[in-house]
Amino acid sequence: MNDICSPMDTQIFKQGLSVLSTSVYIIIAALQGNGQKPTLSAIQDRWNETPEGLAESLEALMDRKIIERHPGPSGAEPIYLVNPASMWGNEDD
């Protein structure tokens, strides 16, 4: 199996995540796939739910290792990057 992450892995739909968490994943994957930095601001610009829902969804995705938060260079905003599906885990992992 190839560990290179395509912009969106359809395995996301088999993870039992909420619609909101899946939506955040799709936003991040789309940004990443288009060569844009998936910063919190870029994600928020495309998000149409509550800020709390976004925060909870990001946390759920990070808990399962579906995405990772990386520091931005020289004080820039952190970015959220999609991990390959082979790295994904359960909430209990």
Protein backbone atom coordinates (compact mmCIF):
# COMPACT_ATOMS: atom_id res chain seq x y z
CA MET A 1 0.00 0.00 0.00
CA ASN A 2 1.20 3.48 -0.84
CA ASP A 3 1.53 5.81 2.18
CA ILE A 4 1.37 8.94 0.05
CA CYS A 5 -1.77 10.84 0.91
CA SER A 6 -4.05 11.80 -1.92
CA PRO A 7 -5.90 15.07 -1.35
CA MET A 8 -8.95 13.18 -0.11
CA ASP A 9 -9.04 9.57 0.98
CA THR A 10 -12.52 8.04 0.72
CA GLN A 11 -11.71 5.99 3.84
CA ILE A 12 -12.88 9.09 5.75
CA PHE A 13 -16.47 7.96 5.14
CA LYS A 14 -15.83 4.67 6.96
CA GLN A 15 -14.52 6.28 10.17
CA GLY A 16 -17.86 6.82 11.91
CA LEU A 17 -17.17 10.53 12.35
CA SER A 18 -19.82 13.20 12.64
CA VAL A 19 -20.93 15.07 9.53
CA LEU A 20 -19.16 18.17 10.87
CA SER A 21 -15.83 16.37 11.41
CA THR A 22 -16.06 14.79 7.97
CA SER A 23 -16.79 18.23 6.50
CA VAL A 24 -13.70 19.72 8.16
CA TYR A 25 -11.61 16.88 6.75
CA ILE A 26 -12.98 17.59 3.26
CA ILE A 27 -12.18 21.31 3.61
CA ILE A 28 -8.60 20.58 4.72
CA ALA A 29 -8.07 17.96 2.02
CA ALA A 30 -9.43 20.33 -0.65
CA LEU A 31 -7.16 23.16 0.47
CA GLN A 32 -4.17 20.83 0.59
CA GLY A 33 -5.07 19.32 -2.80
CA ASN A 34 -5.26 22.80 -4.34
CA GLY A 35 -1.80 23.67 -3.03
CA GLN A 36 -3.15 26.09 -0.43
CA LYS A 37 -2.07 26.13 3.19
CA PRO A 38 -4.86 24.75 5.38
CA THR A 39 -4.50 27.33 8.15
CA LEU A 40 -7.24 27.92 10.69
CA SER A 41 -8.20 31.15 8.87
CA ALA A 42 -8.43 29.37 5.52
CA ILE A 43 -10.57 26.64 7.07
CA GLN A 44 -12.79 29.20 8.85
CA ASP A 45 -13.33 31.04 5.55
CA ARG A 46 -14.99 27.90 4.18
CA TRP A 47 -16.75 26.84 7.39
CA ASN A 48 -20.44 27.69 7.80
CA GLU A 49 -21.12 26.26 11.23
CA THR A 50 -20.21 27.48 14.72
CA PRO A 51 -16.61 28.12 15.84
CA GLU A 52 -17.21 25.58 18.62
CA GLY A 53 -18.21 22.97 16.06
CA LEU A 54 -15.03 23.64 14.12
CA ALA A 55 -12.86 23.36 17.24
CA GLU A 56 -14.56 20.09 18.26
CA SER A 57 -14.22 18.68 14.75
CA LEU A 58 -10.53 19.56 14.50
CA GLU A 59 -9.96 17.94 17.89
CA ALA A 60 -11.83 14.77 16.82
CA LEU A 61 -9.73 14.51 13.66
CA MET A 62 -6.48 15.06 15.57
CA ASP A 63 -7.48 12.52 18.25
CA ARG A 64 -7.75 9.88 15.52
CA LYS A 65 -4.52 11.02 13.82
CA ILE A 66 -6.47 11.83 10.65
CA ILE A 67 -4.95 15.30 10.64
CA GLU A 68 -1.96 16.87 12.34
CA ARG A 69 -1.43 20.44 13.44
CA HIS A 70 1.95 21.81 12.38
CA PRO A 71 3.48 25.10 13.53
CA GLY A 72 3.67 27.80 10.91
CA PRO A 73 7.06 29.25 10.03
CA SER A 74 8.28 32.23 12.08
CA GLY A 75 5.12 32.89 14.02
CA ALA A 76 2.76 32.31 11.09
CA GLU A 77 -0.50 30.49 11.65
CA PRO A 78 -0.29 26.75 12.26
CA ILE A 79 -1.43 24.51 9.43
CA TYR A 80 -3.49 21.34 9.54
CA LEU A 81 -2.35 18.53 7.27
CA VAL A 82 -4.05 15.27 6.36
CA ASN A 83 -2.22 12.07 7.28
CA PRO A 84 -2.32 8.98 5.05
CA ALA A 85 -5.18 6.63 6.01
CA SER A 86 -2.62 4.02 7.08
CA MET A 87 -1.77 6.30 10.04
CA TRP A 88 -5.35 6.83 11.18
CA GLY A 89 -6.45 5.33 14.46
CA ASN A 90 -9.38 5.17 16.83
CA GLU A 91 -10.15 7.61 19.60
CA ASP A 92 -8.76 5.02 22.03
CA ASP A 93 -5.35 4.73 20.29
